[in-house]
């Protein structure tokens, strides 16, 4: 992952609504949710939700598949795993196995 993509992802998730949408889609798993289900669960009006879903799709955090008149949205979990890897790749001077031990220390909590 490059810095530009990581920045785009973080900018997209900087909105509380988009963060809630992404977390809801993660919870839904591979089945995903149609836009109406997302809007109902988060009490977000359709036009507002459409704006936020478009931003998440632009950041590649969600993918949409057309199902008749509806679009089903799914979280891009592989991209989030890549982002986590990007953030932790240099952990403990390139020895990530040491980071787990360090973060289990109560000082990290």
Protein backbone atom coordinates (compact mmCIF):
# COMPACT_ATOMS: atom_id res chain seq x y z
CA UNK A 1 0.00 0.00 0.00
CA UNK A 2 1.25 3.47 -0.75
CA UNK A 3 0.86 6.63 1.31
CA UNK A 4 -1.62 8.16 -1.12
CA UNK A 5 -4.08 5.27 -0.78
CA UNK A 6 -3.65 5.16 3.01
CA UNK A 7 -4.40 8.89 3.18
CA UNK A 8 -7.50 8.47 1.01
CA UNK A 9 -8.75 5.69 3.30
CA UNK A 10 -8.20 7.75 6.44
CA UNK A 11 -9.87 10.80 4.89
CA UNK A 12 -12.87 8.67 4.01
CA UNK A 13 -13.16 7.24 7.52
CA UNK A 14 -12.80 10.69 9.13
CA UNK A 15 -16.59 11.09 8.84
CA UNK A 16 -18.58 9.62 11.71
CA UNK A 17 -21.32 8.45 9.33
CA UNK A 18 -18.85 6.72 6.99
CA UNK A 19 -17.08 5.09 9.92
CA UNK A 20 -20.43 3.80 11.19
CA UNK A 21 -21.35 2.52 7.72
CA UNK A 22 -18.03 0.71 7.35
CA UNK A 23 -18.29 -0.86 10.80
CA UNK A 24 -21.86 -1.98 10.07
CA UNK A 25 -20.72 -3.61 6.83
CA UNK A 26 -17.87 -5.35 8.64
CA UNK A 27 -20.40 -6.69 11.11
CA UNK A 28 -22.64 -7.88 8.25
CA UNK A 29 -19.74 -9.92 6.85
CA UNK A 30 -19.61 -11.31 3.32
CA UNK A 31 -23.39 -11.07 2.89
CA UNK A 32 -23.20 -7.28 3.04
CA UNK A 33 -26.26 -5.05 3.13
CA UNK A 34 -28.38 -3.19 0.61
CA UNK A 35 -28.43 0.59 0.92
CA UNK A 36 -31.92 0.64 2.45
CA UNK A 37 -30.82 -1.71 5.24
CA UNK A 38 -27.80 0.48 5.97
CA UNK A 39 -29.90 3.63 6.03
CA UNK A 40 -32.51 2.06 8.31
CA UNK A 41 -29.91 0.67 10.72
CA UNK A 42 -28.10 4.01 11.01
CA UNK A 43 -31.10 6.32 10.55
CA UNK A 44 -29.44 8.08 7.61
CA UNK A 45 -31.62 9.56 4.82
CA UNK A 46 -31.12 7.99 1.35
CA UNK A 47 -29.55 11.04 -0.30
CA UNK A 48 -27.12 11.52 2.59
CA UNK A 49 -26.29 7.81 2.63
CA UNK A 50 -25.66 7.78 -1.12
CA UNK A 51 -23.09 10.56 -0.68
CA UNK A 52 -21.26 8.62 2.05
CA UNK A 53 -21.37 5.29 0.19
CA UNK A 54 -19.89 6.97 -2.87
CA UNK A 55 -17.01 8.33 -0.76
CA UNK A 56 -16.37 4.88 0.73
CA UNK A 57 -16.45 3.28 -2.72
CA UNK A 58 -14.04 5.93 -4.04
CA UNK A 59 -11.63 4.99 -1.23
CA UNK A 60 -12.13 1.32 -2.20
CA UNK A 61 -13.40 0.54 1.32
CA UNK A 62 -16.69 -0.84 0.00
CA UNK A 63 -17.75 -2.60 -3.16
CA UNK A 64 -21.26 -2.52 -4.58
CA UNK A 65 -22.97 -5.21 -6.62
CA UNK A 66 -26.21 -4.55 -8.47
CA UNK A 67 -29.07 -6.85 -7.43
CA UNK A 68 -32.10 -5.91 -9.48
CA UNK A 69 -33.05 -2.39 -8.42
CA UNK A 70 -30.82 -2.50 -5.36
CA UNK A 71 -27.12 -2.30 -4.72
CA UNK A 72 -25.57 -4.59 -2.13
CA UNK A 73 -22.56 -3.16 -0.34
CA UNK A 74 -19.75 -5.16 1.21
CA UNK A 75 -16.75 -4.01 3.22
CA UNK A 76 -13.37 -4.51 1.56
CA UNK A 77 -11.77 -6.39 4.45
CA UNK A 78 -8.64 -7.22 2.46
CA UNK A 79 -7.94 -3.52 1.99
CA UNK A 80 -8.34 -2.89 5.72
CA UNK A 81 -5.91 -5.74 6.45
CA UNK A 82 -3.46 -4.13 4.00
CA UNK A 83 -3.88 -0.80 5.80
CA UNK A 84 -3.18 -2.41 9.17
CA UNK A 85 -0.12 -4.08 7.68
CA UNK A 86 1.02 -0.75 6.23
CA UNK A 87 0.67 0.91 9.63
CA UNK A 88 2.50 -1.81 11.52
CA UNK A 89 5.14 -2.88 8.98
CA UNK A 90 7.90 -0.94 10.69
CA UNK A 91 6.77 -1.79 14.21
CA UNK A 92 9.66 -2.21 16.63
CA UNK A 93 12.28 -1.35 13.99
CA UNK A 94 11.03 -3.97 11.54
CA UNK A 95 10.52 -6.72 14.13
CA UNK A 96 6.73 -6.85 14.50
CA UNK A 97 6.96 -10.00 16.62
CA UNK A 98 8.36 -7.80 19.40
CA UNK A 99 5.47 -5.35 19.17
CA UNK A 100 2.91 -7.87 20.32
CA UNK A 101 4.93 -8.50 23.49
CA UNK A 102 5.33 -4.76 24.04
CA UNK A 103 1.63 -4.04 23.55
CA UNK A 104 0.62 -6.76 25.98
CA UNK A 105 2.40 -4.72 28.65
CA UNK A 106 -0.13 -2.79 30.80
CA UNK A 107 1.50 0.49 29.75
CA UNK A 108 0.00 0.08 26.25
CA UNK A 109 -3.53 -0.17 27.64
